[in-house]
PDB file of N, CA and C in Angstrom:
ATOM      1  N   UNK A   1     117.462 111.952 102.163  1.00  0.00           N
ATOM      2  CA  UNK A   1     117.075 111.079 101.093  1.00  0.00           C
ATOM      3  C   UNK A   1     117.768 111.424  99.788  1.00  0.00           C
ATOM      4  N   UNK A   2     118.394 112.582  99.723  1.00  0.00           N
ATOM      5  CA  UNK A   2     119.074 112.978  98.495  1.00  0.00           C
ATOM      6  C   UNK A   2     120.192 111.994  98.167  1.00  0.00           C
ATOM      7  N   UNK A   3     120.198 111.522  96.936  1.00  0.00           N
ATOM      8  CA  UNK A   3     121.252 110.622  96.492  1.00  0.00           C
ATOM      9  C   UNK A   3     121.054 109.178  96.897  1.00  0.00           C
ATOM     10  N   UNK A   4     119.996 108.862  97.623  1.00  0.00           N
ATOM     11  CA  UNK A   4     119.747 107.483  98.026  1.00  0.00           C
ATOM     12  C   UNK A   4     118.669 106.877  97.155  1.00  0.00           C
ATOM     13  N   UNK A   5     118.838 105.596  96.852  1.00  0.00           N
ATOM     14  CA  UNK A   5     117.832 104.892  96.061  1.00  0.00           C
ATOM     15  C   UNK A   5     116.708 104.437  96.995  1.00  0.00           C
ATOM     16  N   UNK A   6     115.505 104.945  96.738  1.00  0.00           N
ATOM     17  CA  UNK A   6     114.363 104.634  97.592  1.00  0.00           C
ATOM     18  C   UNK A   6     113.596 103.435  97.048  1.00  0.00           C
ATOM     19  N   UNK A   7     113.316 103.481  95.738  1.00  0.00           N
ATOM     20  CA  UNK A   7     112.542 102.424  95.102  1.00  0.00           C
ATOM     21  C   UNK A   7     113.459 101.611  94.199  1.00  0.00           C
ATOM     22  N   UNK A   8     113.305 100.306  94.244  1.00  0.00           N
ATOM     23  CA  UNK A   8     114.125  99.444  93.389  1.00  0.00           C
ATOM     24  C   UNK A   8     113.448  99.135  92.069  1.00  0.00           C
ATOM     25  N   UNK A   9     112.136  99.412  91.959  1.00  0.00           N
ATOM     26  CA  UNK A   9     111.431  99.185  90.699  1.00  0.00           C
ATOM     27  C   UNK A   9     110.218 100.113  90.612  1.00  0.00           C
ATOM     28  N   UNK A  10     109.704 100.292  89.396  1.00  0.00           N
ATOM     29  CA  UNK A  10     108.511 101.105  89.205  1.00  0.00           C
ATOM     30  C   UNK A  10     107.289 100.450  89.847  1.00  0.00           C
ATOM     31  N   UNK A  11     107.308  99.134  89.989  1.00  0.00           N
ATOM     32  CA  UNK A  11     106.175  98.443  90.607  1.00  0.00           C
ATOM     33  C   UNK A  11     105.946  98.903  92.049  1.00  0.00           C
ATOM     34  N   UNK A  12     106.996  99.309  92.725  1.00  0.00           N
ATOM     35  CA  UNK A  12     106.835  99.782  94.095  1.00  0.00           C
ATOM     36  C   UNK A  12     106.070 101.102  94.158  1.00  0.00           C
ATOM     37  N   UNK A  13     106.076 101.852  93.068  1.00  0.00           N
ATOM     38  CA  UNK A  13     105.351 103.115  93.014  1.00  0.00           C
ATOM     39  C   UNK A  13     103.878 102.913  92.683  1.00  0.00           C
ATOM     40  N   UNK A  14     103.534 101.756  92.184  1.00  0.00           N
ATOM     41  CA  UNK A  14     102.135 101.519  91.828  1.00  0.00           C
ATOM     42  C   UNK A  14     102.010 100.513  90.714  1.00  0.00           C
ATOM     43  N   UNK A  15     102.455  99.318  90.941  1.00  0.00           N
ATOM     44  CA  UNK A  15     102.331  98.256  89.945  1.00  0.00           C
ATOM     45  C   UNK A  15     100.924  97.672  89.959  1.00  0.00           C
ATOM     46  N   UNK A  16     100.744  96.571  89.245  1.00  0.00           N
ATOM     47  CA  UNK A  16      99.417  95.943  89.148  1.00  0.00           C
ATOM     48  C   UNK A  16      98.805  95.597  90.502  1.00  0.00           C
ATOM     49  N   UNK A  17      99.622  95.203  91.459  1.00  0.00           N
ATOM     50  CA  UNK A  17      99.086  94.841  92.780  1.00  0.00           C
ATOM     51  C   UNK A  17      98.492  96.045  93.505  1.00  0.00           C
ATOM     52  N   UNK A  18      98.841  97.252  93.082  1.00  0.00           N
ATOM     53  CA  UNK A  18      98.270  98.482  93.645  1.00  0.00           C
ATOM     54  C   UNK A  18      97.116  98.977  92.769  1.00  0.00           C
ATOM     55  N   UNK A  19      97.342  99.008  91.448  1.00  0.00           N
ATOM     56  CA  UNK A  19      96.403  99.641  90.528  1.00  0.00           C
ATOM     57  C   UNK A  19      95.101  98.862  90.331  1.00  0.00           C
ATOM     58  N   UNK A  20      95.164  97.539  90.229  1.00  0.00           N
ATOM     59  CA  UNK A  20      93.956  96.749  89.953  1.00  0.00           C
ATOM     60  C   UNK A  20      92.978  96.801  91.127  1.00  0.00           C
ATOM     61  N   UNK A  21      93.391  96.528  92.364  1.00  0.00           N
ATOM     62  CA  UNK A  21      92.416  96.571  93.463  1.00  0.00           C
ATOM     63  C   UNK A  21      91.797  97.955  93.677  1.00  0.00           C
ATOM     64  N   UNK A  22      92.540  99.015  93.347  1.00  0.00           N
ATOM     65  CA  UNK A  22      92.038 100.372  93.552  1.00  0.00           C
ATOM     66  C   UNK A  22      91.190 100.869  92.400  1.00  0.00           C
ATOM     67  N   UNK A  23      91.077 100.086  91.329  1.00  0.00           N
ATOM     68  CA  UNK A  23      90.250 100.491  90.205  1.00  0.00           C
ATOM     69  C   UNK A  23      90.902 101.495  89.279  1.00  0.00           C
ATOM     70  N   UNK A  24      92.191 101.766  89.453  1.00  0.00           N
ATOM     71  CA  UNK A  24      92.889 102.693  88.569  1.00  0.00           C
ATOM     72  C   UNK A  24      93.029 102.064  87.185  1.00  0.00           C
ATOM     73  N   UNK A  25      93.293 100.789  87.167  1.00  0.00           N
ATOM     74  CA  UNK A  25      93.304 100.046  85.922  1.00  0.00           C
ATOM     75  C   UNK A  25      92.231  98.975  86.040  1.00  0.00           C
ATOM     76  N   UNK A  26      91.622  98.633  84.929  1.00  0.00           N
ATOM     77  CA  UNK A  26      90.465  97.742  85.002  1.00  0.00           C
ATOM     78  C   UNK A  26      90.713  96.364  84.437  1.00  0.00           C
ATOM     79  N   UNK A  27      91.862  96.167  83.833  1.00  0.00           N
ATOM     80  CA  UNK A  27      92.142  94.848  83.280  1.00  0.00           C
ATOM     81  C   UNK A  27      93.637  94.584  83.350  1.00  0.00           C
ATOM     82  N   UNK A  28      93.989  93.439  83.840  1.00  0.00           N
ATOM     83  CA  UNK A  28      95.370  93.006  83.926  1.00  0.00           C
ATOM     84  C   UNK A  28      95.547  91.850  82.960  1.00  0.00           C
ATOM     85  N   UNK A  29      96.518  91.955  82.054  1.00  0.00           N
ATOM     86  CA  UNK A  29      96.739  90.922  81.050  1.00  0.00           C
ATOM     87  C   UNK A  29      98.079  90.243  81.291  1.00  0.00           C
ATOM     88  N   UNK A  30      98.240  89.079  80.694  1.00  0.00           N
ATOM     89  CA  UNK A  30      99.446  88.290  80.923  1.00  0.00           C
ATOM     90  C   UNK A  30     100.593  88.630  79.980  1.00  0.00           C
ATOM     91  N   UNK A  31     100.257  89.147  78.772  1.00  0.00           N
ATOM     92  CA  UNK A  31     101.321  89.430  77.807  1.00  0.00           C
ATOM     93  C   UNK A  31     100.860  90.521  76.837  1.00  0.00           C
ATOM     94  N   UNK A  32     101.760  90.918  75.944  1.00  0.00           N
ATOM     95  CA  UNK A  32     101.450  92.005  75.005  1.00  0.00           C
ATOM     96  C   UNK A  32     100.304  91.658  74.067  1.00  0.00           C
ATOM     97  N   UNK A  33     100.239  90.420  73.608  1.00  0.00           N
ATOM     98  CA  UNK A  33      99.163  90.018  72.701  1.00  0.00           C
ATOM     99  C   UNK A  33      97.805  90.164  73.382  1.00  0.00           C
ATOM    100  N   UNK A  34      97.709  89.695  74.618  1.00  0.00           N
ATOM    101  CA  UNK A  34      96.468  89.846  75.373  1.00  0.00           C
ATOM    102  C   UNK A  34      96.142  91.322  75.591  1.00  0.00           C
ATOM    103  N   UNK A  35      97.178  92.139  75.776  1.00  0.00           N
ATOM    104  CA  UNK A  35      96.981  93.571  75.956  1.00  0.00           C
ATOM    105  C   UNK A  35      96.395  94.231  74.718  1.00  0.00           C
ATOM    106  N   UNK A  36      96.933  93.883  73.550  1.00  0.00           N
ATOM    107  CA  UNK A  36      96.421  94.435  72.295  1.00  0.00           C
ATOM    108  C   UNK A  36      94.979  93.992  72.080  1.00  0.00           C
ATOM    109  N   UNK A  37      94.680  92.726  72.349  1.00  0.00           N
ATOM    110  CA  UNK A  37      93.306  92.228  72.189  1.00  0.00           C
ATOM    111  C   UNK A  37      92.350  92.958  73.135  1.00  0.00           C
ATOM    112  N   UNK A  38      92.795  93.254  74.359  1.00  0.00           N
ATOM    113  CA  UNK A  38      91.956  93.974  75.317  1.00  0.00           C
ATOM    114  C   UNK A  38      91.698  95.403  74.834  1.00  0.00           C
ATOM    115  N   UNK A  39      92.719  96.039  74.269  1.00  0.00           N
ATOM    116  CA  UNK A  39      92.547  97.396  73.752  1.00  0.00           C
ATOM    117  C   UNK A  39      91.566  97.410  72.588  1.00  0.00           C
ATOM    118  N   UNK A  40      91.712  96.473  71.666  1.00  0.00           N
ATOM    119  CA  UNK A  40      90.811  96.400  70.513  1.00  0.00           C
ATOM    120  C   UNK A  40      89.381  96.133  70.978  1.00  0.00           C
ATOM    121  N   UNK A  41      89.211  95.252  71.962  1.00  0.00           N
ATOM    122  CA  UNK A  41      87.882  94.958  72.503  1.00  0.00           C
ATOM    123  C   UNK A  41      87.287  96.224  73.138  1.00  0.00           C
ATOM    124  N   UNK A  42      88.109  96.971  73.888  1.00  0.00           N
ATOM    125  CA  UNK A  42      87.643  98.209  74.516  1.00  0.00           C
ATOM    126  C   UNK A  42      87.265  99.235  73.446  1.00  0.00           C
ATOM    127  N   UNK A  43      88.061  99.349  72.409  1.00  0.00           N
ATOM    128  CA  UNK A  43      87.774 100.318  71.349  1.00  0.00           C
ATOM    129  C   UNK A  43      86.492  99.987  70.592  1.00  0.00           C
ATOM    130  N   UNK A  44      86.055  98.734  70.638  1.00  0.00           N
ATOM    131  CA  UNK A  44      84.817  98.370  69.939  1.00  0.00           C
ATOM    132  C   UNK A  44      83.599  99.056  70.565  1.00  0.00           C
ATOM    133  N   UNK A  45      83.729  99.581  71.779  1.00  0.00           N
ATOM    134  CA  UNK A  45      82.638 100.289  72.443  1.00  0.00           C
ATOM    135  C   UNK A  45      82.639 101.785  72.144  1.00  0.00           C
ATOM    136  N   UNK A  46      83.698 102.278  71.510  1.00  0.00           N
ATOM    137  CA  UNK A  46      83.842 103.704  71.221  1.00  0.00           C
ATOM    138  C   UNK A  46      83.228 103.998  69.851  1.00  0.00           C
ATOM    139  N   UNK A  47      82.468 105.089  69.721  1.00  0.00           N
ATOM    140  CA  UNK A  47      81.886 105.430  68.421  1.00  0.00           C
ATOM    141  C   UNK A  47      82.969 105.633  67.354  1.00  0.00           C
ATOM    142  N   UNK A  48      82.603 105.356  66.111  1.00  0.00           N
ATOM    143  CA  UNK A  48      83.556 105.463  65.003  1.00  0.00           C
ATOM    144  C   UNK A  48      83.978 106.911  64.757  1.00  0.00           C
ATOM    145  N   UNK A  49      83.056 107.863  64.942  1.00  0.00           N
ATOM    146  CA  UNK A  49      83.373 109.281  64.772  1.00  0.00           C
ATOM    147  C   UNK A  49      82.794 110.054  65.945  1.00  0.00           C
ATOM    148  N   UNK A  50      83.166 111.311  66.040  1.00  0.00           N
ATOM    149  CA  UNK A  50      82.707 112.132  67.148  1.00  0.00           C
ATOM    150  C   UNK A  50      81.190 112.373  67.093  1.00  0.00           C
ATOM    151  N   UNK A  51      80.602 112.277  65.913  1.00  0.00           N
ATOM    152  CA  UNK A  51      79.156 112.500  65.784  1.00  0.00           C
ATOM    153  C   UNK A  51      78.350 111.203  65.781  1.00  0.00           C
ATOM    154  N   UNK A  52      79.018 110.067  65.837  1.00  0.00           N
ATOM    155  CA  UNK A  52      78.334 108.769  65.839  1.00  0.00           C
ATOM    156  C   UNK A  52      77.849 108.419  67.242  1.00  0.00           C
ATOM    157  N   UNK A  53      76.871 107.533  67.297  1.00  0.00           N
ATOM    158  CA  UNK A  53      76.420 107.007  68.584  1.00  0.00           C
ATOM    159  C   UNK A  53      77.203 105.722  68.876  1.00  0.00           C
ATOM    160  N   UNK A  54      77.376 105.402  70.130  1.00  0.00           N
ATOM    161  CA  UNK A  54      78.077 104.163  70.470  1.00  0.00           C
ATOM    162  C   UNK A  54      77.298 102.946  69.977  1.00  0.00           C
ATOM    163  N   UNK A  55      78.006 101.838  69.721  1.00  0.00           N
ATOM    164  CA  UNK A  55      77.305 100.626  69.320  1.00  0.00           C
ATOM    165  C   UNK A  55      76.349 100.176  70.423  1.00  0.00           C
ATOM    166  N   UNK A  56      75.187  99.671  70.034  1.00  0.00           N
ATOM    167  CA  UNK A  56      74.203  99.183  70.997  1.00  0.00           C
ATOM    168  C   UNK A  56      74.309  97.667  71.061  1.00  0.00           C
ATOM    169  N   UNK A  57      74.462  97.164  72.276  1.00  0.00           N
ATOM    170  CA  UNK A  57      74.560  95.717  72.469  1.00  0.00           C
ATOM    171  C   UNK A  57      73.483  95.277  73.452  1.00  0.00           C
ATOM    172  N   UNK A  58      73.107  94.039  73.370  1.00  0.00           N
ATOM    173  CA  UNK A  58      72.121  93.494  74.298  1.00  0.00           C
ATOM    174  C   UNK A  58      72.763  93.259  75.652  1.00  0.00           C
ATOM    175  N   UNK A  59      72.006  93.513  76.698  1.00  0.00           N
ATOM    176  CA  UNK A  59      72.505  93.302  78.049  1.00  0.00           C
ATOM    177  C   UNK A  59      72.152  91.902  78.524  1.00  0.00           C
ATOM    178  N   UNK A  60      73.066  91.287  79.258  1.00  0.00           N
ATOM    179  CA  UNK A  60      72.761  89.984  79.855  1.00  0.00           C
ATOM    180  C   UNK A  60      72.250  90.158  81.287  1.00  0.00           C
ATOM    181  N   UNK A  61      72.258  91.407  81.768  1.00  0.00           N
ATOM    182  CA  UNK A  61      71.800  91.719  83.117  1.00  0.00           C
ATOM    183  C   UNK A  61      70.334  92.141  83.034  1.00  0.00           C
ATOM    184  N   UNK A  62      69.410  91.333  83.555  1.00  0.00           N
ATOM    185  CA  UNK A  62      67.991  91.667  83.423  1.00  0.00           C
ATOM    186  C   UNK A  62      67.629  92.962  84.163  1.00  0.00           C
ATOM    187  N   UNK A  63      66.755  93.737  83.561  1.00  0.00           N
ATOM    188  CA  UNK A  63      66.303  94.990  84.162  1.00  0.00           C
ATOM    189  C   UNK A  63      65.602  94.723  85.488  1.00  0.00           C
ATOM    190  N   UNK A  64      64.941  93.597  85.595  1.00  0.00           N
ATOM    191  CA  UNK A  64      64.168  93.280  86.798  1.00  0.00           C
ATOM    192  C   UNK A  64      65.028  92.799  87.966  1.00  0.00           C
ATOM    193  N   UNK A  65      66.354  92.690  87.779  1.00  0.00           N
ATOM    194  CA  UNK A  65      67.221  92.203  88.860  1.00  0.00           C
ATOM    195  C   UNK A  65      67.178  93.162  90.043  1.00  0.00           C
ATOM    196  N   UNK A  66      66.913  92.614  91.222  1.00  0.00           N
ATOM    197  CA  UNK A  66      66.898  93.434  92.434  1.00  0.00           C
ATOM    198  C   UNK A  66      68.331  93.637  92.917  1.00  0.00           C
ATOM    199  N   UNK A  67      68.651  94.859  93.233  1.00  0.00           N
ATOM    200  CA  UNK A  67      69.975  95.180  93.759  1.00  0.00           C
ATOM    201  C   UNK A  67      69.830  95.459  95.243  1.00  0.00           C
ATOM    202  N   UNK A  68      70.495  94.664  96.050  1.00  0.00           N
ATOM    203  CA  UNK A  68      70.438  94.795  97.495  1.00  0.00           C
ATOM    204  C   UNK A  68      71.744  95.423  97.977  1.00  0.00           C
ATOM    205  N   UNK A  69      71.809  96.724  97.976  1.00  0.00           N
ATOM    206  CA  UNK A  69      73.036  97.387  98.416  1.00  0.00           C
ATOM    207  C   UNK A  69      72.684  98.618  99.232  1.00  0.00           C
ATOM    208  N   UNK A  70      73.270  98.710 100.404  1.00  0.00           N
ATOM    209  CA  UNK A  70      73.119  99.898 101.236  1.00  0.00           C
ATOM    210  C   UNK A  70      74.520 100.411 101.527  1.00  0.00           C
ATOM    211  N   UNK A  71      74.833 101.624 101.057  1.00  0.00           N
ATOM    212  CA  UNK A  71      76.166 102.158 101.337  1.00  0.00           C
ATOM    213  C   UNK A  71      76.383 102.327 102.842  1.00  0.00           C
ATOM    214  N   UNK A  72      77.566 102.040 103.262  1.00  0.00           N
ATOM    215  CA  UNK A  72      77.918 102.229 104.670  1.00  0.00           C
ATOM    216  C   UNK A  72      78.512 103.629 104.832  1.00  0.00           C
ATOM    217  N   UNK A  73      78.657 104.079 106.078  1.00  0.00           N
ATOM    218  CA  UNK A  73      79.190 105.426 106.307  1.00  0.00           C
ATOM    219  C   UNK A  73      80.676 105.508 105.988  1.00  0.00           C
ATOM    220  N   UNK A  74      81.384 104.414 106.122  1.00  0.00           N
ATOM    221  CA  UNK A  74      82.815 104.413 105.853  1.00  0.00           C
ATOM    222  C   UNK A  74      83.111 104.142 104.380  1.00  0.00           C
ATOM    223  N   UNK A  75      84.349 103.855 104.120  1.00  0.00           N
ATOM    224  CA  UNK A  75      84.768 103.559 102.745  1.00  0.00           C
ATOM    225  C   UNK A  75      84.219 102.200 102.307  1.00  0.00           C
ATOM    226  N   UNK A  76      83.853 102.121 101.038  1.00  0.00           N
ATOM    227  CA  UNK A  76      83.395 100.854 100.476  1.00  0.00           C
ATOM    228  C   UNK A  76      83.804 100.791  99.012  1.00  0.00           C
ATOM    229  N   UNK A  77      83.787  99.607  98.470  1.00  0.00           N
ATOM    230  CA  UNK A  77      84.166  99.386  97.082  1.00  0.00           C
ATOM    231  C   UNK A  77      82.960  99.678  96.192  1.00  0.00           C
ATOM    232  N   UNK A  78      83.017 100.682  95.298  1.00  0.00           N
ATOM    233  CA  UNK A  78      81.869 101.003  94.460  1.00  0.00           C
ATOM    234  C   UNK A  78      81.469  99.871  93.522  1.00  0.00           C
ATOM    235  N   UNK A  79      82.373  98.933  93.277  1.00  0.00           N
ATOM    236  CA  UNK A  79      82.027  97.779  92.437  1.00  0.00           C
ATOM    237  C   UNK A  79      80.968  96.926  93.120  1.00  0.00           C
ATOM    238  N   UNK A  80      80.927  96.944  94.453  1.00  0.00           N
ATOM    239  CA  UNK A  80      79.889  96.209  95.175  1.00  0.00           C
ATOM    240  C   UNK A  80      78.521  96.818  94.902  1.00  0.00           C
ATOM    241  N   UNK A  81      78.470  98.140  94.790  1.00  0.00           N
ATOM    242  CA  UNK A  81      77.200  98.806  94.493  1.00  0.00           C
ATOM    243  C   UNK A  81      76.713  98.388  93.110  1.00  0.00           C
ATOM    244  N   UNK A  82      77.611  98.392  92.131  1.00  0.00           N
ATOM    245  CA  UNK A  82      77.229  98.037  90.771  1.00  0.00           C
ATOM    246  C   UNK A  82      76.837  96.573  90.646  1.00  0.00           C
ATOM    247  N   UNK A  83      77.483  95.716  91.449  1.00  0.00           N
ATOM    248  CA  UNK A  83      77.202  94.298  91.388  1.00  0.00           C
ATOM    249  C   UNK A  83      76.085  93.848  92.309  1.00  0.00           C
ATOM    250  N   UNK A  84      75.605  94.731  93.169  1.00  0.00           N
ATOM    251  CA  UNK A  84      74.528  94.373  94.082  1.00  0.00           C
ATOM    252  C   UNK A  84      74.989  93.501  95.222  1.00  0.00           C
ATOM    253  N   UNK A  85      76.218  93.669  95.670  1.00  0.00           N
ATOM    254  CA  UNK A  85      76.777  92.846  96.740  1.00  0.00           C
ATOM    255  C   UNK A  85      76.324  93.392  98.084  1.00  0.00           C
ATOM    256  N   UNK A  86      75.880  92.518  98.954  1.00  0.00           N
ATOM    257  CA  UNK A  86      75.538  92.934 100.323  1.00  0.00           C
ATOM    258  C   UNK A  86      76.818  93.115 101.117  1.00  0.00           C
ATOM    259  N   UNK A  87      76.902  94.221 101.831  1.00  0.00           N
ATOM    260  CA  UNK A  87      78.095  94.461 102.679  1.00  0.00           C
ATOM    261  C   UNK A  87      77.697  94.559 104.129  1.00  0.00           C
TER     262      UNK A  87
END
């Protein structure tokens, strides 16, 4: 393999089609402007200083919602557990 080109692009090493389904990255944007807006939105959840508490927001997910999830012995998507998806 020495001296041979193995990958033709960085996407082959782990582009969005690899990172998003695996949960390595949590948001895929279409352009730089959308990316900056996503970063600013994410930063709005971070406390202003190290001694501050995070901003408190109202939840749209009712506390009384029943979650019907039973983990299987094999691999499963943890997002299903958080969303209450039956598998």
